[in-house]
Protein backbone atom coordinates (compact mmCIF):
# COMPACT_ATOMS: atom_id res chain seq x y z
CA MET A 1 -11.59 6.98 63.61
CA ALA A 2 -15.66 5.36 63.98
CA ASP A 3 -18.19 6.59 61.44
CA ASP A 4 -20.35 9.26 62.26
CA PRO A 5 -23.71 7.87 63.40
CA VAL A 6 -25.44 10.42 61.25
CA VAL A 7 -23.13 9.09 58.30
CA GLU A 8 -24.44 5.59 58.89
CA ALA A 9 -27.67 6.32 59.23
CA LEU A 10 -27.85 8.15 56.21
CA LYS A 11 -26.05 5.31 54.19
CA ARG A 12 -28.29 2.68 55.53
CA ILE A 13 -31.05 4.94 54.31
CA ASP A 14 -29.55 5.20 50.54
CA THR A 15 -29.28 1.18 50.73
CA LYS A 16 -33.20 1.06 51.63
CA LEU A 17 -33.95 3.52 49.23
CA ALA A 18 -31.84 2.19 46.14
CA ALA A 19 -33.79 -1.19 47.00
CA LEU A 20 -37.34 -0.08 46.86
CA LEU A 21 -36.02 1.85 43.61
CA ALA A 22 -35.11 -1.48 41.91
CA ILE A 23 -38.11 -2.85 42.64
CA VAL A 24 -40.10 -0.29 41.66
CA VAL A 25 -38.08 -0.26 38.29
CA ASP A 26 -38.37 -3.76 37.55
CA GLY A 27 -42.22 -3.65 38.29
CA HIS A 28 -42.42 -1.17 35.81
CA LEU A 29 -40.05 -2.52 32.94
CA ARG A 30 -42.35 -5.86 33.27
CA ASP A 31 -45.62 -4.40 33.63
CA THR A 32 -44.72 -1.66 30.48
CA GLU A 33 -42.88 -4.09 28.41
CA MET A 34 -40.33 -1.45 27.80
CA ALA A 35 -37.38 -3.93 28.51
CA LYS A 36 -36.94 -7.27 29.59
CA PRO A 37 -35.51 -7.21 33.07
CA ARG A 38 -33.41 -10.45 33.98
CA PRO A 39 -34.52 -12.97 35.78
CA ARG A 40 -33.82 -12.91 39.25
CA THR A 41 -35.72 -13.84 42.52
CA ILE A 42 -36.51 -10.65 45.34
CA ASP A 43 -33.88 -12.08 47.58
CA LYS A 44 -31.25 -11.37 44.94
CA MET A 45 -32.39 -8.03 43.67
CA LEU A 46 -32.50 -6.62 47.11
CA VAL A 47 -28.76 -8.06 48.01
CA ASP A 48 -27.62 -6.56 44.59
CA VAL A 49 -28.53 -3.40 45.55
CA GLY A 50 -26.97 -3.52 49.31
CA LEU A 51 -29.21 -5.27 51.90
CA THR A 52 -27.60 -8.21 54.11
CA GLN A 53 -28.99 -11.75 53.84
CA VAL A 54 -30.52 -10.93 57.67
CA GLU A 55 -32.00 -7.62 56.19
CA VAL A 56 -33.49 -9.60 53.54
CA ALA A 57 -34.77 -12.27 55.89
CA ARG A 58 -36.12 -9.77 58.48
CA LEU A 59 -38.15 -7.88 55.79
CA LEU A 60 -39.39 -11.04 53.83
CA GLY A 61 -40.14 -13.16 57.01
CA LYS A 62 -37.61 -15.50 56.33
CA THR A 63 -34.47 -16.89 58.39
CA PRO A 64 -30.82 -15.51 56.93
CA GLN A 65 -30.43 -19.26 55.82
CA ALA A 66 -33.60 -19.41 53.78
CA VAL A 67 -32.07 -16.31 52.11
CA GLY A 68 -28.63 -17.77 51.42
CA GLN A 69 -30.47 -20.94 50.12
CA VAL A 70 -32.66 -19.02 47.56
CA LEU A 71 -29.09 -16.71 46.41
CA GLN A 72 -27.01 -20.23 46.19
CA LYS A 73 -29.88 -21.53 43.67
CA ASP A 74 -29.89 -18.26 41.70
CA LYS A 75 -26.13 -18.01 41.76
CA LYS A 76 -26.37 -22.18 39.81
CA GLY A 77 -29.51 -21.21 37.96
CA THR A 78 -28.16 -17.73 36.15
CA GLY A 79 -24.39 -18.29 36.22
CA LYS A 80 -22.60 -18.85 32.74
CA PRO A 81 -23.74 -21.47 30.71
CA GLN A 82 -21.45 -24.80 31.61
CA ALA A 83 -21.41 -28.07 30.01
CA ALA A 84 -23.99 -30.91 31.01
CA GLY A 85 -23.62 -32.31 34.48
CA GLY A 86 -20.62 -29.96 35.12
CA GLY A 87 -19.89 -27.02 37.14
CA ASP A 88 -17.29 -25.95 40.32
CA SER A 89 -20.03 -23.86 42.26
């Protein structure tokens, strides 16, 4: 059975509201210095809350490939500490 179009629309709205909330909270925490949010790009933040690479690309005026490259850099830069010169990713 296919999902109801209304349910699908509500899921998309929920994801977009989560993205907006993540951006607002991240900015508030940085501005007030109440906490130190982990460093991550806006691309990563939006993907973390459920937007697809295509949606992030459209929102930021980038190509999906450009978003993918940023996410790969984030993954390499924020992963577990590795021995110098090594890594499997």
